[in-house]
Amino acid sequence: MITGATSGFGRALANKFAQNGYNIIITGRRKERLDDVEKELSAYKVKVLTLNFDVRKRYEVVDSVAGIPEEWKNIDILVNNAGLAVGLEHIDKGNPDDWDRMVDTNMKGLLYVTRSVAPLMVARDKGYIFNIGSIAGKGAYEGGNVYCASKAAVDSLTKSMRIDLLKHNIRVTQIAPGMADTEFSLVRFKGDKEKAGSVYKGIHALSAEDIADVIYYCATLPEHICINDLVITPTQQADVIFNFRK
């Protein structure tokens, strides 16, 4: 089950797992895009279930997961991928609507989905949860304020979830990417393609497929192995601040 499967990491993940014979539950708030991804995955001859909901809306999440057909409830892997950054203003000029959108998606959305799916895993003493964090959760940068805070929360939540679910044989991994050339910056800059493109100028950035490959690798390790935390950056990026542009 992959949240935010309509673009970026989520879409690449759906394709990666489907290519390898996994049946896929894809979720997203954009119905047309969900339909496109479903058609895309049909080429792999696997079963696909689409759930159209917004992770920010708790009762949509609860109702959607509760309504999953019985044969789909044995969810082996959950990827909490839905997330975003909006705006890059200093804290004194920040837009509270942008703050709400980030907190509601990156933190509360992850919690709502996990709260709905984790009991299905606990009942079977089996499962794997991936939380998509960010190197922004490991350090702060100018204008990052609320986005960094929301991803720091993902970092802490992942550690706590790992402890809480330990006795149920459930693995929990945080994937914390650095610069990745997806729709991320386009969303952050509210559709400004020039600003979005400048973020990656001179950098051979990560791709969505790179992240999908890494998650697939972790997911297919023997069950006695759990990668707890994985920070992934382009070779030209050392951390949230330092990078080298050619």
Protein backbone atom coordinates (compact mmCIF):
# COMPACT_ATOMS: atom_id res chain seq x y z
CA MET A 1 0.00 0.00 0.00
CA ILE A 2 1.51 3.27 -1.16
CA THR A 3 0.14 6.69 -0.22
CA GLY A 4 0.66 9.59 -2.59
CA ALA A 5 1.05 7.15 -5.48
CA THR A 6 0.02 9.60 -8.20
CA SER A 7 3.48 11.10 -8.80
CA GLY A 8 7.12 11.14 -7.76
CA PHE A 9 8.38 8.50 -5.34
CA GLY A 10 4.93 6.95 -4.97
CA ARG A 11 4.39 6.37 -8.66
CA ALA A 12 7.91 4.99 -9.11
CA LEU A 13 7.39 2.69 -6.13
CA ALA A 14 4.11 1.36 -7.51
CA ASN A 15 5.85 0.52 -10.77
CA LYS A 16 8.87 -1.05 -9.08
CA PHE A 17 6.85 -3.39 -6.90
CA ALA A 18 4.35 -4.23 -9.65
CA GLN A 19 7.22 -5.12 -12.00
CA ASN A 20 8.27 -7.64 -9.38
CA GLY A 21 4.88 -9.28 -9.05
CA TYR A 22 3.41 -7.48 -6.04
CA ASN A 23 -0.30 -6.66 -5.94
CA ILE A 24 -0.58 -2.95 -5.23
CA ILE A 25 -2.92 -0.66 -3.30
CA ILE A 26 -2.41 2.88 -4.58
CA THR A 27 -3.87 5.89 -2.82
CA GLY A 28 -4.09 9.56 -3.70
CA ARG A 29 -6.40 12.55 -3.68
CA ARG A 30 -6.26 13.15 -7.47
CA LYS A 31 -8.67 10.62 -9.00
CA GLU A 32 -7.62 11.19 -12.62
CA ARG A 33 -3.99 10.55 -11.79
CA LEU A 34 -4.87 7.45 -9.79
CA ASP A 35 -6.67 6.11 -12.84
CA ASP A 36 -3.60 6.83 -14.97
CA VAL A 37 -1.33 4.94 -12.58
CA GLU A 38 -3.78 2.03 -12.45
CA LYS A 39 -3.65 1.78 -16.25
CA GLU A 40 0.14 1.98 -16.14
CA LEU A 41 0.34 -0.90 -13.67
CA SER A 42 -2.01 -3.09 -15.70
CA ALA A 43 0.94 -3.88 -17.99
CA TYR A 44 2.48 -5.97 -15.19
CA LYS A 45 -0.47 -8.36 -14.85
CA VAL A 46 -0.85 -7.76 -11.11
CA LYS A 47 -3.94 -6.83 -9.12
CA VAL A 48 -4.37 -3.13 -8.35
CA LEU A 49 -6.75 -1.52 -5.84
CA THR A 50 -7.21 2.26 -5.95
CA LEU A 51 -8.27 4.25 -2.90
CA ASN A 52 -9.15 7.88 -3.57
CA PHE A 53 -8.75 9.88 -0.36
CA ASP A 54 -6.82 12.79 1.14
CA VAL A 55 -4.50 11.68 3.97
CA ARG A 56 -5.20 14.99 5.74
CA LYS A 57 -8.84 13.99 6.29
CA ARG A 58 -8.92 11.48 9.10
CA TYR A 59 -12.36 10.05 8.48
CA GLU A 60 -11.67 9.61 4.77
CA VAL A 61 -8.60 7.58 5.72
CA VAL A 62 -10.43 5.52 8.34
CA ASP A 63 -13.40 4.79 6.07
CA SER A 64 -11.23 3.96 3.05
CA VAL A 65 -9.02 1.49 4.91
CA ALA A 66 -11.97 -0.04 6.76
CA GLY A 67 -13.71 -0.55 3.43
CA ILE A 68 -10.87 -2.50 1.83
CA PRO A 69 -12.15 -5.87 0.58
CA GLU A 70 -11.20 -8.77 2.84
CA GLU A 71 -8.78 -10.29 0.34
CA TRP A 72 -6.76 -7.05 0.35
CA LYS A 73 -6.39 -6.68 4.12
CA ASN A 74 -3.20 -8.74 4.43
CA ILE A 75 -1.03 -5.71 3.76
CA ASP A 76 2.63 -6.76 3.84
CA ILE A 77 4.18 -3.36 3.15
CA LEU A 78 2.93 0.18 3.85
CA VAL A 79 4.80 3.13 2.37
CA ASN A 80 3.80 6.42 4.00
CA ASN A 81 4.91 8.48 1.04
CA ALA A 82 2.36 11.32 0.84
CA GLY A 83 4.13 14.54 1.76
CA LEU A 84 5.10 17.98 0.52
CA ALA A 85 6.81 21.29 1.14
CA VAL A 86 4.98 24.54 0.49
CA GLY A 87 6.71 27.92 0.50
CA LEU A 88 10.19 28.99 1.58
CA GLU A 89 9.42 32.16 3.53
CA HIS A 90 11.12 33.20 6.75
CA ILE A 91 9.09 32.37 9.84
CA ASP A 92 7.95 35.99 10.35
CA LYS A 93 6.47 36.02 6.84
CA GLY A 94 5.20 32.46 6.61
CA ASN A 95 1.71 31.60 5.40
CA PRO A 96 -0.22 29.71 8.11
CA ASP A 97 -2.29 27.97 5.41
CA ASP A 98 0.96 26.54 4.01
CA TRP A 99 1.99 25.49 7.53
CA ASP A 100 -1.31 23.67 8.04
CA ARG A 101 -0.95 21.89 4.71
CA MET A 102 2.53 20.60 5.58
CA VAL A 103 1.71 19.57 9.15
CA ASP A 104 -1.58 17.95 8.14
CA THR A 105 0.01 15.98 5.30
CA ASN A 106 3.50 15.16 6.53
CA MET A 107 2.68 14.41 10.16
CA LYS A 108 -1.02 13.88 10.75
CA GLY A 109 -1.61 12.11 7.44
CA LEU A 110 1.16 9.65 8.21
CA LEU A 111 -0.38 9.05 11.64
CA TYR A 112 -3.92 8.55 10.33
CA VAL A 113 -2.82 6.01 7.72
CA THR A 114 -0.53 4.15 10.11
CA ARG A 115 -3.24 4.00 12.78
CA SER A 116 -5.59 2.42 10.25
CA VAL A 117 -3.16 -0.06 8.70
CA ALA A 118 -0.86 -1.07 11.59
CA PRO A 119 -3.57 -3.07 13.45
CA LEU A 120 -3.93 -5.28 10.34
CA MET A 121 -0.22 -6.04 10.59
CA VAL A 122 -0.28 -6.51 14.36
CA ALA A 123 -3.05 -9.09 13.98
CA ARG A 124 -0.72 -11.14 11.78
CA ASP A 125 2.56 -10.41 13.62
CA LYS A 126 4.00 -9.42 10.29
CA GLY A 127 4.57 -6.31 8.20
CA TYR A 128 6.91 -3.59 7.05
CA ILE A 129 6.29 0.16 7.29
CA PHE A 130 8.35 2.72 5.37
CA ASN A 131 8.09 6.39 6.29
CA ILE A 132 9.41 8.87 3.74
CA GLY A 133 11.25 11.51 5.72
CA SER A 134 13.90 13.92 4.47
CA ILE A 135 17.38 15.14 5.26
CA ALA A 136 15.42 18.29 6.20
CA GLY A 137 14.34 16.32 9.27
CA LYS A 138 17.99 15.87 10.25
CA GLY A 139 18.92 19.56 10.14
CA ALA A 140 17.47 23.00 9.48
CA TYR A 141 17.99 25.49 6.67
CA GLU A 142 16.89 29.04 5.95
CA GLY A 143 13.20 29.19 5.10
CA GLY A 144 12.74 25.49 5.88
CA ASN A 145 11.22 26.09 9.34
CA VAL A 146 7.86 24.25 9.32
CA TYR A 147 8.83 21.74 6.61
CA CYS A 148 11.98 20.83 8.56
CA ALA A 149 9.92 20.52 11.74
CA SER A 150 7.37 18.26 10.06
CA LYS A 151 10.10 15.95 8.76
CA ALA A 152 11.88 15.97 12.14
CA ALA A 153 8.57 14.68 13.49
CA VAL A 154 8.67 11.85 10.92
CA ASP A 155 12.17 11.02 12.18
CA SER A 156 10.96 10.81 15.80
CA LEU A 157 7.75 8.99 14.91
CA THR A 158 9.66 6.35 12.98
CA LYS A 159 11.89 5.64 15.99
CA SER A 160 8.87 5.40 18.31
CA MET A 161 6.93 3.21 15.88
CA ARG A 162 9.88 0.86 15.62
CA ILE A 163 9.85 0.43 19.41
CA ASP A 164 6.05 0.16 19.72
CA LEU A 165 5.80 -2.51 17.03
CA LEU A 166 8.93 -4.44 17.98
CA LYS A 167 7.12 -7.30 19.73
CA HIS A 168 4.86 -7.74 16.70
CA ASN A 169 7.74 -8.55 14.33
CA ILE A 170 6.98 -5.42 12.28
CA ARG A 171 9.87 -3.66 10.62
CA VAL A 172 9.89 0.15 10.38
CA THR A 173 12.29 2.13 8.21
CA GLN A 174 12.71 5.83 7.59
CA ILE A 175 13.97 6.79 4.14
CA ALA A 176 15.41 10.32 4.28
CA PRO A 177 16.24 11.58 0.76
CA GLY A 178 18.23 14.66 -0.15
CA MET A 179 17.80 16.48 -3.44
CA ALA A 180 15.43 14.48 -5.63
CA ASP A 181 14.15 15.83 -8.93
CA THR A 182 10.41 15.18 -8.71
CA GLU A 183 7.39 17.50 -8.45
CA PHE A 184 8.60 18.43 -4.95
CA SER A 185 10.04 21.85 -5.81
CA LEU A 186 7.26 22.62 -8.27
CA VAL A 187 4.77 22.18 -5.41
CA ARG A 188 6.96 24.14 -2.99
CA PHE A 189 7.11 27.09 -5.39
CA LYS A 190 3.44 26.77 -6.31
CA GLY A 191 3.94 25.99 -9.98
CA ASP A 192 6.89 28.32 -10.69
CA LYS A 193 8.94 26.11 -13.04
CA GLU A 194 11.92 28.46 -13.17
CA LYS A 195 12.35 28.54 -9.40
CA ALA A 196 11.74 24.81 -9.15
CA GLY A 197 14.35 24.03 -11.78
CA SER A 198 16.98 26.24 -10.15
CA VAL A 199 16.98 24.03 -7.04
CA TYR A 200 18.75 21.25 -8.94
CA LYS A 201 20.92 23.38 -11.24
CA GLY A 202 24.41 21.92 -11.50
CA ILE A 203 23.47 18.85 -9.44
CA HIS A 204 22.91 15.32 -10.68
CA ALA A 205 19.91 14.88 -8.38
CA LEU A 206 18.30 11.67 -7.21
CA SER A 207 15.38 10.37 -9.25
CA ALA A 208 12.14 8.87 -8.01
CA GLU A 209 13.34 5.55 -9.42
CA ASP A 210 16.51 5.74 -7.31
CA ILE A 211 14.41 5.93 -4.15
CA ALA A 212 12.10 3.16 -5.36
CA ASP A 213 15.11 0.90 -5.95
CA VAL A 214 16.42 1.51 -2.42
CA ILE A 215 13.05 0.85 -0.78
CA TYR A 216 12.60 -2.33 -2.83
CA TYR A 217 16.06 -3.47 -1.70
CA CYS A 218 15.18 -2.91 1.96
CA ALA A 219 11.78 -4.57 1.58
CA THR A 220 13.28 -7.73 0.08
CA LEU A 221 15.99 -8.28 2.69
CA PRO A 222 15.58 -11.38 4.91
CA GLU A 223 12.94 -10.86 7.62
CA HIS A 224 15.49 -10.82 10.43
CA ILE A 225 17.09 -7.65 8.99
CA CYS A 226 15.66 -4.15 9.46
CA ILE A 227 17.26 -0.99 8.11
CA ASN A 228 16.06 1.49 10.71
CA ASP A 229 17.15 4.77 9.13
CA LEU A 230 18.58 5.51 5.71
CA VAL A 231 19.79 8.92 4.53
CA ILE A 232 20.26 9.11 0.75
CA THR A 233 21.77 12.07 -1.09
CA PRO A 234 23.24 12.76 -4.50
CA THR A 235 27.02 12.42 -4.52
CA GLN A 236 27.20 16.21 -4.86
CA GLN A 237 25.26 16.79 -1.64
CA ALA A 238 26.78 16.14 1.79
CA ASP A 239 23.90 17.24 4.00
CA VAL A 240 21.00 19.68 4.21
CA ILE A 241 23.34 22.68 3.78
CA PHE A 242 26.45 21.63 1.86
CA ASN A 243 26.40 20.77 -1.82
CA PHE A 244 28.73 21.21 -4.78
CA ARG A 245 27.27 22.51 -8.02
CA LYS A 246 29.13 22.02 -11.30
